[in-house]
């Protein structure tokens, strides 16, 4: 199989000399270091002046969550619940025992 030549889709008005030379692997080391990017909603981002403030707040939240474990849930079993007393229908007055 022969490789088809890639069509040159660069617009003619682009000056390749003005674009300069790109740098290969400029952010490679940062990517290997495990940079973690998180996008904040605008209202949340307004509350923090910089990344350091965000990190302080999150670390505080982690500490609070770790020191206050959630309360244990009470387990209830259906068999331990009292059952409602059986309701027995009372005969209507005068309908039983009367012969016509």
PDB file of N, CA and C in Angstrom:
ATOM      1  N   UNK A   1       0.834  -1.188   0.000  1.00  0.00           N
ATOM      2  CA  UNK A   1       0.000   0.000   0.000  1.00  0.00           C
ATOM      3  C   UNK A   1       0.873   1.244   0.000  1.00  0.00           C
ATOM      4  N   UNK A   2       0.511   2.161  -0.792  1.00  0.00           N
ATOM      5  CA  UNK A   2       1.269   3.405  -0.807  1.00  0.00           C
ATOM      6  C   UNK A   2       0.532   4.442   0.026  1.00  0.00           C
ATOM      7  N   UNK A   3       1.301   5.250   0.709  1.00  0.00           N
ATOM      8  CA  UNK A   3       0.699   6.301   1.534  1.00  0.00           C
ATOM      9  C   UNK A   3       0.294   7.469   0.643  1.00  0.00           C
ATOM     10  N   UNK A   4      -0.894   7.928   0.842  1.00  0.00           N
ATOM     11  CA  UNK A   4      -1.347   9.095   0.092  1.00  0.00           C
ATOM     12  C   UNK A   4      -0.706  10.337   0.699  1.00  0.00           C
ATOM     13  N   UNK A   5      -0.343  11.269  -0.139  1.00  0.00           N
ATOM     14  CA  UNK A   5       0.250  12.510   0.357  1.00  0.00           C
ATOM     15  C   UNK A   5      -0.823  13.319   1.065  1.00  0.00           C
ATOM     16  N   UNK A   6      -0.456  13.887   2.207  1.00  0.00           N
ATOM     17  CA  UNK A   6      -1.397  14.709   2.963  1.00  0.00           C
ATOM     18  C   UNK A   6      -1.649  16.001   2.205  1.00  0.00           C
ATOM     19  N   UNK A   7      -2.889  16.361   2.136  1.00  0.00           N
ATOM     20  CA  UNK A   7      -3.254  17.596   1.451  1.00  0.00           C
ATOM     21  C   UNK A   7      -2.837  18.771   2.319  1.00  0.00           C
ATOM     22  N   UNK A   8      -2.213  19.744   1.733  1.00  0.00           N
ATOM     23  CA  UNK A   8      -1.774  20.922   2.452  1.00  0.00           C
ATOM     24  C   UNK A   8      -2.971  21.855   2.616  1.00  0.00           C
ATOM     25  N   UNK A   9      -3.457  21.970   3.854  1.00  0.00           N
ATOM     26  CA  UNK A   9      -4.644  22.786   4.106  1.00  0.00           C
ATOM     27  C   UNK A   9      -4.298  24.126   4.732  1.00  0.00           C
ATOM     28  N   UNK A  10      -3.015  24.492   4.717  1.00  0.00           N
ATOM     29  CA  UNK A  10      -2.591  25.761   5.303  1.00  0.00           C
ATOM     30  C   UNK A  10      -3.042  26.899   4.398  1.00  0.00           C
ATOM     31  N   UNK A  11      -3.634  27.886   4.980  1.00  0.00           N
ATOM     32  CA  UNK A  11      -4.120  29.020   4.197  1.00  0.00           C
ATOM     33  C   UNK A  11      -2.936  29.790   3.601  1.00  0.00           C
ATOM     34  N   UNK A  12      -3.122  30.298   2.431  1.00  0.00           N
ATOM     35  CA  UNK A  12      -2.004  30.998   1.775  1.00  0.00           C
ATOM     36  C   UNK A  12      -1.596  32.287   2.488  1.00  0.00           C
ATOM     37  N   UNK A  13      -2.495  32.881   3.278  1.00  0.00           N
ATOM     38  CA  UNK A  13      -2.142  34.144   3.934  1.00  0.00           C
ATOM     39  C   UNK A  13      -1.238  33.944   5.157  1.00  0.00           C
ATOM     40  N   UNK A  14      -1.060  32.700   5.597  1.00  0.00           N
ATOM     41  CA  UNK A  14      -0.155  32.441   6.723  1.00  0.00           C
ATOM     42  C   UNK A  14       1.287  32.542   6.245  1.00  0.00           C
ATOM     43  N   UNK A  15       2.083  33.308   6.976  1.00  0.00           N
ATOM     44  CA  UNK A  15       3.496  33.442   6.651  1.00  0.00           C
ATOM     45  C   UNK A  15       4.271  32.486   7.546  1.00  0.00           C
ATOM     46  N   UNK A  16       4.802  31.428   6.989  1.00  0.00           N
ATOM     47  CA  UNK A  16       5.517  30.421   7.763  1.00  0.00           C
ATOM     48  C   UNK A  16       6.753  30.990   8.452  1.00  0.00           C
ATOM     49  N   UNK A  17       7.357  32.001   7.873  1.00  0.00           N
ATOM     50  CA  UNK A  17       8.536  32.616   8.485  1.00  0.00           C
ATOM     51  C   UNK A  17       8.140  33.342   9.778  1.00  0.00           C
ATOM     52  N   UNK A  18       6.957  33.946   9.808  1.00  0.00           N
ATOM     53  CA  UNK A  18       6.510  34.693  10.985  1.00  0.00           C
ATOM     54  C   UNK A  18       6.066  33.761  12.111  1.00  0.00           C
ATOM     55  N   UNK A  19       5.645  32.535  11.751  1.00  0.00           N
ATOM     56  CA  UNK A  19       5.210  31.590  12.779  1.00  0.00           C
ATOM     57  C   UNK A  19       6.369  31.122  13.654  1.00  0.00           C
ATOM     58  N   UNK A  20       7.536  31.108  13.123  1.00  0.00           N
ATOM     59  CA  UNK A  20       8.705  30.681  13.890  1.00  0.00           C
ATOM     60  C   UNK A  20       8.771  29.172  13.989  1.00  0.00           C
ATOM     61  N   UNK A  21       9.663  28.711  14.831  1.00  0.00           N
ATOM     62  CA  UNK A  21       9.854  27.277  14.990  1.00  0.00           C
ATOM     63  C   UNK A  21       9.226  26.824  16.302  1.00  0.00           C
ATOM     64  N   UNK A  22       8.465  25.781  16.243  1.00  0.00           N
ATOM     65  CA  UNK A  22       7.852  25.224  17.445  1.00  0.00           C
ATOM     66  C   UNK A  22       8.868  24.456  18.265  1.00  0.00           C
ATOM     67  N   UNK A  23       8.573  24.287  19.528  1.00  0.00           N
ATOM     68  CA  UNK A  23       9.454  23.540  20.419  1.00  0.00           C
ATOM     69  C   UNK A  23       8.818  22.182  20.668  1.00  0.00           C
ATOM     70  N   UNK A  24       9.509  21.135  20.365  1.00  0.00           N
ATOM     71  CA  UNK A  24       9.000  19.792  20.567  1.00  0.00           C
ATOM     72  C   UNK A  24       9.181  19.377  22.019  1.00  0.00           C
ATOM     73  N   UNK A  25       8.121  18.874  22.620  1.00  0.00           N
ATOM     74  CA  UNK A  25       8.199  18.364  23.987  1.00  0.00           C
ATOM     75  C   UNK A  25       8.356  19.434  25.049  1.00  0.00           C
ATOM     76  N   UNK A  26       7.824  20.610  24.825  1.00  0.00           N
ATOM     77  CA  UNK A  26       7.998  21.725  25.762  1.00  0.00           C
ATOM     78  C   UNK A  26       7.414  21.403  27.142  1.00  0.00           C
ATOM     79  N   UNK A  27       6.287  20.719  27.201  1.00  0.00           N
ATOM     80  CA  UNK A  27       5.617  20.415  28.467  1.00  0.00           C
ATOM     81  C   UNK A  27       5.705  18.931  28.831  1.00  0.00           C
ATOM     82  N   UNK A  28       6.611  18.217  28.217  1.00  0.00           N
ATOM     83  CA  UNK A  28       6.736  16.784  28.436  1.00  0.00           C
ATOM     84  C   UNK A  28       7.051  16.445  29.886  1.00  0.00           C
ATOM     85  N   UNK A  29       8.007  17.132  30.487  1.00  0.00           N
ATOM     86  CA  UNK A  29       8.395  16.834  31.883  1.00  0.00           C
ATOM     87  C   UNK A  29       7.255  17.132  32.860  1.00  0.00           C
ATOM     88  N   UNK A  30       6.520  18.206  32.625  1.00  0.00           N
ATOM     89  CA  UNK A  30       5.385  18.520  33.498  1.00  0.00           C
ATOM     90  C   UNK A  30       4.319  17.432  33.406  1.00  0.00           C
ATOM     91  N   UNK A  31       4.095  16.927  32.207  1.00  0.00           N
ATOM     92  CA  UNK A  31       3.097  15.875  32.033  1.00  0.00           C
ATOM     93  C   UNK A  31       3.524  14.604  32.751  1.00  0.00           C
ATOM     94  N   UNK A  32       4.808  14.295  32.706  1.00  0.00           N
ATOM     95  CA  UNK A  32       5.306  13.110  33.407  1.00  0.00           C
ATOM     96  C   UNK A  32       5.241  13.281  34.923  1.00  0.00           C
ATOM     97  N   UNK A  33       5.343  14.512  35.389  1.00  0.00           N
ATOM     98  CA  UNK A  33       5.314  14.778  36.827  1.00  0.00           C
ATOM     99  C   UNK A  33       3.914  14.608  37.400  1.00  0.00           C
ATOM    100  N   UNK A  34       2.923  14.435  36.551  1.00  0.00           N
ATOM    101  CA  UNK A  34       1.568  14.192  37.037  1.00  0.00           C
ATOM    102  C   UNK A  34       0.788  15.453  37.305  1.00  0.00           C
ATOM    103  N   UNK A  35       0.979  16.457  36.501  1.00  0.00           N
ATOM    104  CA  UNK A  35       0.220  17.690  36.651  1.00  0.00           C
ATOM    105  C   UNK A  35      -1.261  17.355  36.564  1.00  0.00           C
ATOM    106  N   UNK A  36      -2.029  17.857  37.521  1.00  0.00           N
ATOM    107  CA  UNK A  36      -3.447  17.577  37.564  1.00  0.00           C
ATOM    108  C   UNK A  36      -4.191  18.899  37.394  1.00  0.00           C
ATOM    109  N   UNK A  37      -4.894  19.034  36.327  1.00  0.00           N
ATOM    110  CA  UNK A  37      -5.618  20.249  36.027  1.00  0.00           C
ATOM    111  C   UNK A  37      -7.088  20.043  36.346  1.00  0.00           C
ATOM    112  N   UNK A  38      -7.654  20.947  37.137  1.00  0.00           N
ATOM    113  CA  UNK A  38      -9.066  20.879  37.486  1.00  0.00           C
ATOM    114  C   UNK A  38      -9.683  22.223  37.145  1.00  0.00           C
ATOM    115  N   UNK A  39     -10.780  22.190  36.412  1.00  0.00           N
ATOM    116  CA  UNK A  39     -11.460  23.428  36.054  1.00  0.00           C
ATOM    117  C   UNK A  39     -12.533  23.732  37.089  1.00  0.00           C
ATOM    118  N   UNK A  40     -12.485  24.944  37.615  1.00  0.00           N
ATOM    119  CA  UNK A  40     -13.459  25.374  38.613  1.00  0.00           C
ATOM    120  C   UNK A  40     -14.582  26.141  37.928  1.00  0.00           C
ATOM    121  N   UNK A  41     -15.761  26.009  38.478  1.00  0.00           N
ATOM    122  CA  UNK A  41     -16.878  26.812  38.005  1.00  0.00           C
ATOM    123  C   UNK A  41     -16.575  28.277  38.348  1.00  0.00           C
ATOM    124  N   UNK A  42     -17.094  29.218  37.576  1.00  0.00           N
ATOM    125  CA  UNK A  42     -16.765  30.627  37.801  1.00  0.00           C
ATOM    126  C   UNK A  42     -17.077  31.124  39.210  1.00  0.00           C
ATOM    127  N   UNK A  43     -18.207  30.703  39.808  1.00  0.00           N
ATOM    128  CA  UNK A  43     -18.545  31.177  41.146  1.00  0.00           C
ATOM    129  C   UNK A  43     -17.567  30.653  42.196  1.00  0.00           C
ATOM    130  N   UNK A  44     -17.052  29.448  41.996  1.00  0.00           N
ATOM    131  CA  UNK A  44     -16.073  28.886  42.923  1.00  0.00           C
ATOM    132  C   UNK A  44     -14.730  29.582  42.728  1.00  0.00           C
ATOM    133  N   UNK A  45     -14.343  29.801  41.489  1.00  0.00           N
ATOM    134  CA  UNK A  45     -13.068  30.463  41.203  1.00  0.00           C
ATOM    135  C   UNK A  45     -13.041  31.875  41.764  1.00  0.00           C
ATOM    136  N   UNK A  46     -14.184  32.547  41.809  1.00  0.00           N
ATOM    137  CA  UNK A  46     -14.239  33.905  42.362  1.00  0.00           C
ATOM    138  C   UNK A  46     -13.922  33.933  43.849  1.00  0.00           C
ATOM    139  N   UNK A  47     -14.146  32.824  44.543  1.00  0.00           N
ATOM    140  CA  UNK A  47     -13.922  32.783  45.992  1.00  0.00           C
ATOM    141  C   UNK A  47     -12.450  32.620  46.351  1.00  0.00           C
ATOM    142  N   UNK A  48     -11.601  32.252  45.386  1.00  0.00           N
ATOM    143  CA  UNK A  48     -10.197  31.987  45.668  1.00  0.00           C
ATOM    144  C   UNK A  48      -9.306  32.862  44.791  1.00  0.00           C
ATOM    145  N   UNK A  49      -8.367  33.571  45.415  1.00  0.00           N
ATOM    146  CA  UNK A  49      -7.498  34.456  44.632  1.00  0.00           C
ATOM    147  C   UNK A  49      -6.448  33.721  43.802  1.00  0.00           C
ATOM    148  N   UNK A  50      -6.014  32.538  44.269  1.00  0.00           N
ATOM    149  CA  UNK A  50      -4.969  31.820  43.538  1.00  0.00           C
ATOM    150  C   UNK A  50      -5.012  30.327  43.872  1.00  0.00           C
ATOM    151  N   UNK A  51      -4.143  29.562  43.227  1.00  0.00           N
ATOM    152  CA  UNK A  51      -4.110  28.106  43.417  1.00  0.00           C
ATOM    153  C   UNK A  51      -3.745  27.733  44.845  1.00  0.00           C
ATOM    154  N   UNK A  52      -2.892  28.514  45.479  1.00  0.00           N
ATOM    155  CA  UNK A  52      -2.489  28.220  46.860  1.00  0.00           C
ATOM    156  C   UNK A  52      -3.695  28.274  47.797  1.00  0.00           C
ATOM    157  N   UNK A  53      -4.587  29.230  47.598  1.00  0.00           N
ATOM    158  CA  UNK A  53      -5.787  29.351  48.428  1.00  0.00           C
ATOM    159  C   UNK A  53      -6.720  28.158  48.221  1.00  0.00           C
ATOM    160  N   UNK A  54      -6.821  27.702  46.995  1.00  0.00           N
ATOM    161  CA  UNK A  54      -7.651  26.522  46.706  1.00  0.00           C
ATOM    162  C   UNK A  54      -7.085  25.309  47.423  1.00  0.00           C
ATOM    163  N   UNK A  55      -5.786  25.116  47.342  1.00  0.00           N
ATOM    164  CA  UNK A  55      -5.149  23.973  47.992  1.00  0.00           C
ATOM    165  C   UNK A  55      -5.293  24.022  49.504  1.00  0.00           C
ATOM    166  N   UNK A  56      -5.165  25.209  50.112  1.00  0.00           N
ATOM    167  CA  UNK A  56      -5.352  25.331  51.568  1.00  0.00           C
ATOM    168  C   UNK A  56      -6.765  24.941  51.964  1.00  0.00           C
ATOM    169  N   UNK A  57      -7.739  25.414  51.211  1.00  0.00           N
ATOM    170  CA  UNK A  57      -9.135  25.114  51.526  1.00  0.00           C
ATOM    171  C   UNK A  57      -9.427  23.624  51.386  1.00  0.00           C
ATOM    172  N   UNK A  58      -8.905  23.011  50.346  1.00  0.00           N
ATOM    173  CA  UNK A  58      -9.139  21.578  50.144  1.00  0.00           C
ATOM    174  C   UNK A  58      -8.451  20.742  51.211  1.00  0.00           C
ATOM    175  N   UNK A  59      -7.247  21.132  51.622  1.00  0.00           N
ATOM    176  CA  UNK A  59      -6.562  20.393  52.690  1.00  0.00           C
ATOM    177  C   UNK A  59      -7.318  20.512  54.012  1.00  0.00           C
ATOM    178  N   UNK A  60      -7.856  21.689  54.286  1.00  0.00           N
ATOM    179  CA  UNK A  60      -8.657  21.879  55.490  1.00  0.00           C
ATOM    180  C   UNK A  60      -9.899  20.992  55.443  1.00  0.00           C
ATOM    181  N   UNK A  61     -10.539  20.922  54.300  1.00  0.00           N
ATOM    182  CA  UNK A  61     -11.725  20.073  54.143  1.00  0.00           C
ATOM    183  C   UNK A  61     -11.371  18.598  54.338  1.00  0.00           C
ATOM    184  N   UNK A  62     -10.230  18.183  53.832  1.00  0.00           N
ATOM    185  CA  UNK A  62      -9.778  16.801  54.018  1.00  0.00           C
ATOM    186  C   UNK A  62      -9.562  16.503  55.492  1.00  0.00           C
ATOM    187  N   UNK A  63      -8.921  17.438  56.220  1.00  0.00           N
ATOM    188  CA  UNK A  63      -8.675  17.246  57.655  1.00  0.00           C
ATOM    189  C   UNK A  63      -9.977  17.155  58.445  1.00  0.00           C
ATOM    190  N   UNK A  64     -10.926  18.022  58.125  1.00  0.00           N
ATOM    191  CA  UNK A  64     -12.213  18.017  58.830  1.00  0.00           C
ATOM    192  C   UNK A  64     -12.966  16.714  58.558  1.00  0.00           C
ATOM    193  N   UNK A  65     -12.970  16.282  57.315  1.00  0.00           N
ATOM    194  CA  UNK A  65     -13.671  15.046  56.966  1.00  0.00           C
ATOM    195  C   UNK A  65     -13.023  13.842  57.641  1.00  0.00           C
ATOM    196  N   UNK A  66     -11.719  13.833  57.767  1.00  0.00           N
ATOM    197  CA  UNK A  66     -11.026  12.700  58.384  1.00  0.00           C
ATOM    198  C   UNK A  66     -11.236  12.669  59.894  1.00  0.00           C
ATOM    199  N   UNK A  67     -11.364  13.824  60.523  1.00  0.00           N
ATOM    200  CA  UNK A  67     -11.521  13.862  61.978  1.00  0.00           C
ATOM    201  C   UNK A  67     -12.966  13.667  62.419  1.00  0.00           C
ATOM    202  N   UNK A  68     -13.910  13.785  61.530  1.00  0.00           N
ATOM    203  CA  UNK A  68     -15.327  13.606  61.857  1.00  0.00           C
ATOM    204  C   UNK A  68     -15.929  12.518  60.983  1.00  0.00           C
ATOM    205  N   UNK A  69     -15.754  11.258  61.384  1.00  0.00           N
ATOM    206  CA  UNK A  69     -16.346  10.192  60.563  1.00  0.00           C
ATOM    207  C   UNK A  69     -17.867  10.286  60.626  1.00  0.00           C
ATOM    208  N   UNK A  70     -18.539   9.840  59.595  1.00  0.00           N
ATOM    209  CA  UNK A  70     -20.001   9.914  59.593  1.00  0.00           C
ATOM    210  C   UNK A  70     -20.580   9.044  60.706  1.00  0.00           C
ATOM    211  N   UNK A  71     -21.718   9.440  61.268  1.00  0.00           N
ATOM    212  CA  UNK A  71     -22.318   8.638  62.339  1.00  0.00           C
ATOM    213  C   UNK A  71     -22.734   7.270  61.817  1.00  0.00           C
ATOM    214  N   UNK A  72     -22.626   6.284  62.699  1.00  0.00           N
ATOM    215  CA  UNK A  72     -23.011   4.922  62.309  1.00  0.00           C
ATOM    216  C   UNK A  72     -24.514   4.869  62.120  1.00  0.00           C
ATOM    217  N   UNK A  73     -24.933   4.167  61.111  1.00  0.00           N
ATOM    218  CA  UNK A  73     -26.374   4.026  60.861  1.00  0.00           C
ATOM    219  C   UNK A  73     -26.945   2.983  61.785  1.00  0.00           C
ATOM    220  N   UNK A  74     -28.138   3.250  62.255  1.00  0.00           N
ATOM    221  CA  UNK A  74     -28.830   2.258  63.065  1.00  0.00           C
ATOM    222  C   UNK A  74     -29.433   1.228  62.137  1.00  0.00           C
ATOM    223  N   UNK A  75     -29.213  -0.002  62.478  1.00  0.00           N
ATOM    224  CA  UNK A  75     -29.808  -1.067  61.677  1.00  0.00           C
ATOM    225  C   UNK A  75     -31.118  -1.471  62.327  1.00  0.00           C
ATOM    226  N   UNK A  76     -32.143  -1.478  61.546  1.00  0.00           N
ATOM    227  CA  UNK A  76     -33.432  -1.940  62.057  1.00  0.00           C
ATOM    228  C   UNK A  76     -33.854  -3.133  61.232  1.00  0.00           C
ATOM    229  N   UNK A  77     -34.329  -4.108  61.924  1.00  0.00           N
ATOM    230  CA  UNK A  77     -34.782  -5.319  61.256  1.00  0.00           C
ATOM    231  C   UNK A  77     -36.295  -5.328  61.262  1.00  0.00           C
ATOM    232  N   UNK A  78     -36.863  -5.771  60.216  1.00  0.00           N
ATOM    233  CA  UNK A  78     -38.321  -5.826  60.153  1.00  0.00           C
ATOM    234  C   UNK A  78     -38.880  -6.759  61.225  1.00  0.00           C
ATOM    235  N   UNK A  79     -38.137  -7.805  61.568  1.00  0.00           N
ATOM    236  CA  UNK A  79     -38.647  -8.765  62.546  1.00  0.00           C
ATOM    237  C   UNK A  79     -38.664  -8.179  63.951  1.00  0.00           C
ATOM    238  N   UNK A  80     -37.864  -7.149  64.224  1.00  0.00           N
ATOM    239  CA  UNK A  80     -37.845  -6.580  65.564  1.00  0.00           C
ATOM    240  C   UNK A  80     -38.886  -5.480  65.741  1.00  0.00           C
ATOM    241  N   UNK A  81     -39.506  -5.065  64.659  1.00  0.00           N
ATOM    242  CA  UNK A  81     -40.527  -4.027  64.758  1.00  0.00           C
ATOM    243  C   UNK A  81     -41.831  -4.649  65.261  1.00  0.00           C
ATOM    244  N   UNK A  82     -42.526  -3.974  66.135  1.00  0.00           N
ATOM    245  CA  UNK A  82     -43.821  -4.522  66.574  1.00  0.00           C
ATOM    246  C   UNK A  82     -44.817  -4.485  65.423  1.00  0.00           C
ATOM    247  N   UNK A  83     -45.540  -5.554  65.291  1.00  0.00           N
ATOM    248  CA  UNK A  83     -46.541  -5.631  64.234  1.00  0.00           C
ATOM    249  C   UNK A  83     -47.839  -5.019  64.737  1.00  0.00           C
ATOM    250  N   UNK A  84     -48.558  -4.369  63.863  1.00  0.00           N
ATOM    251  CA  UNK A  84     -49.840  -3.805  64.286  1.00  0.00           C
ATOM    252  C   UNK A  84     -50.815  -4.928  64.622  1.00  0.00           C
ATOM    253  N   UNK A  85     -51.649  -4.666  65.599  1.00  0.00           N
ATOM    254  CA  UNK A  85     -52.633  -5.663  66.013  1.00  0.00           C
ATOM    255  C   UNK A  85     -53.609  -5.893  64.864  1.00  0.00           C
ATOM    256  N   UNK A  86     -54.049  -7.130  64.730  1.00  0.00           N
ATOM    257  CA  UNK A  86     -54.994  -7.461  63.668  1.00  0.00           C
ATOM    258  C   UNK A  86     -56.321  -6.786  63.961  1.00  0.00           C
ATOM    259  N   UNK A  87     -56.868  -6.215  62.958  1.00  0.00           N
ATOM    260  CA  UNK A  87     -58.142  -5.536  63.112  1.00  0.00           C
ATOM    261  C   UNK A  87     -59.240  -6.521  62.719  1.00  0.00           C
ATOM    262  N   UNK A  88     -60.147  -6.780  63.665  1.00  0.00           N
ATOM    263  CA  UNK A  88     -61.255  -7.690  63.414  1.00  0.00           C
ATOM    264  C   UNK A  88     -62.495  -6.838  63.229  1.00  0.00           C
ATOM    265  N   UNK A  89     -63.182  -7.071  62.116  1.00  0.00           N
ATOM    266  CA  UNK A  89     -64.391  -6.300  61.855  1.00  0.00           C
ATOM    267  C   UNK A  89     -65.502  -6.731  62.801  1.00  0.00           C
ATOM    268  N   UNK A  90     -66.085  -5.752  63.430  1.00  0.00           N
ATOM    269  CA  UNK A  90     -67.208  -6.045  64.317  1.00  0.00           C
ATOM    270  C   UNK A  90     -68.477  -6.109  63.484  1.00  0.00           C
ATOM    271  N   UNK A  91     -69.341  -7.060  63.813  1.00  0.00           N
ATOM    272  CA  UNK A  91     -70.599  -7.127  63.059  1.00  0.00           C
ATOM    273  C   UNK A  91     -71.446  -5.893  63.351  1.00  0.00           C
ATOM    274  N   UNK A  92     -72.206  -5.504  62.362  1.00  0.00           N
ATOM    275  CA  UNK A  92     -73.069  -4.342  62.553  1.00  0.00           C
ATOM    276  C   UNK A  92     -74.169  -4.694  63.526  1.00  0.00           C
ATOM    277  N   UNK A  93     -74.542  -3.747  64.283  1.00  0.00           N
ATOM    278  CA  UNK A  93     -75.558  -3.944  65.303  1.00  0.00           C
ATOM    279  C   UNK A  93     -76.888  -4.322  64.671  1.00  0.00           C
ATOM    280  N   UNK A  94     -77.405  -5.387  65.134  1.00  0.00           N
ATOM    281  CA  UNK A  94     -78.716  -5.805  64.678  1.00  0.00           C
ATOM    282  C   UNK A  94     -78.696  -6.647  63.417  1.00  0.00           C
ATOM    283  N   UNK A  95     -77.520  -6.917  62.824  1.00  0.00           N
ATOM    284  CA  UNK A  95     -77.507  -7.714  61.596  1.00  0.00           C
ATOM    285  C   UNK A  95     -77.275  -9.177  61.838  1.00  0.00           C
ATOM    286  N   UNK A  96     -76.789  -9.544  63.036  1.00  0.00           N
ATOM    287  CA  UNK A  96     -76.502 -10.932  63.320  1.00  0.00           C
ATOM    288  C   UNK A  96     -77.549 -11.461  64.310  1.00  0.00           C
ATOM    289  N   UNK A  97     -78.014 -12.672  64.063  1.00  0.00           N
ATOM    290  CA  UNK A  97     -78.929 -13.295  64.998  1.00  0.00           C
ATOM    291  C   UNK A  97     -80.384 -12.961  64.774  1.00  0.00           C
ATOM    292  N   UNK A  98     -80.690 -12.167  63.837  1.00  0.00           N
ATOM    293  CA  UNK A  98     -82.077 -11.835  63.607  1.00  0.00           C
ATOM    294  C   UNK A  98     -82.597 -12.620  62.422  1.00  0.00           C
ATOM    295  N   UNK A  99     -83.579 -13.247  62.595  1.00  0.00           N
ATOM    296  CA  UNK A  99     -84.179 -13.978  61.491  1.00  0.00           C
ATOM    297  C   UNK A  99     -85.357 -13.232  60.942  1.00  0.00           C
ATOM    298  N   UNK A 100     -85.621 -13.383  59.652  1.00  0.00           N
ATOM    299  CA  UNK A 100     -86.768 -12.669  59.128  1.00  0.00           C
ATOM    300  C   UNK A 100     -87.861 -13.594  58.732  1.00  0.00           C
TER     301      UNK A 100
END
